[in-house]
Amino acid sequence: MATHKLKTWPTPFQATQLGNKTYEIRKNDRNFNVGDTLILEEYDPTTQEYTGRVMTVRVTYITQGGEWKLPPDICVMAIQFEKNPLRG
């Protein structure tokens, strides 16, 4: 199991933090696997700077590229908080 640091824009970061977004759609250039840890770092594309907000989630399921007509290099990962940053 690996740990991946990922840049995340403010709107999806907030939706994930609130528990409304429970997936990540990413280019699978890192060989993501179930059980991997994702460190989501909020990044503001307007200022081109990280905001300092970070959350940690675990990959619980992956739909690989090529399945369900996904492009071959894209995957959809179901994610779950290791610890919800808003609820503890």
Protein backbone atom coordinates (compact mmCIF):
# COMPACT_ATOMS: atom_id res chain seq x y z
CA MET A 1 0.00 0.00 0.00
CA ALA A 2 1.33 3.38 -1.01
CA THR A 3 0.76 6.98 0.03
CA HIS A 4 0.08 9.59 -2.65
CA LYS A 5 0.04 13.38 -2.22
CA LEU A 6 -2.55 14.90 -4.56
CA LYS A 7 -3.32 18.50 -5.46
CA THR A 8 -7.07 19.22 -5.02
CA TRP A 9 -8.89 22.41 -6.00
CA PRO A 10 -11.05 24.19 -3.37
CA THR A 11 -14.55 23.18 -4.53
CA PRO A 12 -13.94 19.41 -4.64
CA PHE A 13 -11.79 19.65 -1.49
CA GLN A 14 -14.68 21.23 0.42
CA ALA A 15 -17.20 18.69 -0.94
CA THR A 16 -14.93 15.84 0.16
CA GLN A 17 -14.41 17.39 3.58
CA LEU A 18 -18.18 17.68 4.06
CA GLY A 19 -18.67 14.05 3.03
CA ASN A 20 -20.61 14.90 -0.14
CA LYS A 21 -17.87 13.72 -2.52
CA THR A 22 -16.71 10.18 -1.80
CA TYR A 23 -14.59 9.52 -4.89
CA GLU A 24 -11.55 10.74 -6.77
CA ILE A 25 -11.27 10.67 -10.56
CA ARG A 26 -7.62 10.74 -11.54
CA LYS A 27 -5.19 9.93 -14.27
CA ASN A 28 -3.80 6.58 -13.15
CA ASP A 29 -0.16 7.52 -13.57
CA ARG A 30 0.72 6.37 -10.04
CA ASN A 31 -0.60 2.80 -10.09
CA PHE A 32 -3.30 3.49 -7.47
CA ASN A 33 -4.50 0.45 -5.50
CA VAL A 34 -7.20 -0.38 -2.97
CA GLY A 35 -5.78 0.35 0.48
CA ASP A 36 -3.61 3.23 -0.69
CA THR A 37 -3.65 6.44 1.33
CA LEU A 38 -4.34 9.73 -0.46
CA ILE A 39 -3.17 12.95 1.14
CA LEU A 40 -5.40 15.60 -0.44
CA GLU A 41 -3.80 19.04 -0.36
CA GLU A 42 -6.02 21.99 -1.22
CA TYR A 43 -4.56 24.09 -4.04
CA ASP A 44 -5.95 27.40 -5.28
CA PRO A 45 -5.51 27.58 -9.07
CA THR A 46 -6.12 31.35 -9.02
CA THR A 47 -3.21 32.14 -6.69
CA GLN A 48 -1.28 29.02 -7.75
CA GLU A 49 -0.57 28.27 -4.09
CA TYR A 50 -1.43 25.59 -1.59
CA THR A 51 -3.88 26.81 1.08
CA GLY A 52 -2.47 24.68 3.89
CA ARG A 53 -5.64 22.60 4.27
CA VAL A 54 -4.98 18.87 4.07
CA MET A 55 -7.01 15.69 4.61
CA THR A 56 -6.19 12.01 4.51
CA VAL A 57 -8.41 9.38 2.90
CA ARG A 58 -8.06 5.70 2.03
CA VAL A 59 -8.93 4.08 -1.32
CA THR A 60 -11.66 1.47 -0.77
CA TYR A 61 -12.51 0.56 -4.39
CA ILE A 62 -11.19 1.34 -7.86
CA THR A 63 -12.87 1.31 -11.25
CA GLN A 64 -9.99 1.01 -13.68
CA GLY A 65 -9.63 2.70 -17.02
CA GLY A 66 -11.17 0.73 -19.85
CA GLU A 67 -14.10 -0.32 -17.66
CA TRP A 68 -17.48 1.36 -18.12
CA LYS A 69 -16.06 3.27 -21.11
CA LEU A 70 -13.53 5.16 -18.98
CA PRO A 71 -10.46 6.27 -20.93
CA PRO A 72 -7.68 3.71 -20.39
CA ASP A 73 -5.49 6.08 -18.34
CA ILE A 74 -8.25 7.27 -15.95
CA CYS A 75 -9.50 5.59 -12.77
CA VAL A 76 -12.31 6.32 -10.34
CA MET A 77 -11.46 5.64 -6.70
CA ALA A 78 -14.00 5.29 -3.90
CA ILE A 79 -12.52 6.96 -0.81
CA GLN A 80 -13.21 6.95 2.89
CA PHE A 81 -11.81 9.17 5.62
CA GLU A 82 -9.23 7.59 7.84
CA LYS A 83 -10.54 10.18 10.27
CA ASN A 84 -13.17 12.74 9.26
CA PRO A 85 -11.56 16.18 9.68
CA LEU A 86 -14.90 17.75 10.67
CA ARG A 87 -16.27 15.04 12.95
CA GLY A 88 -13.14 13.51 14.47
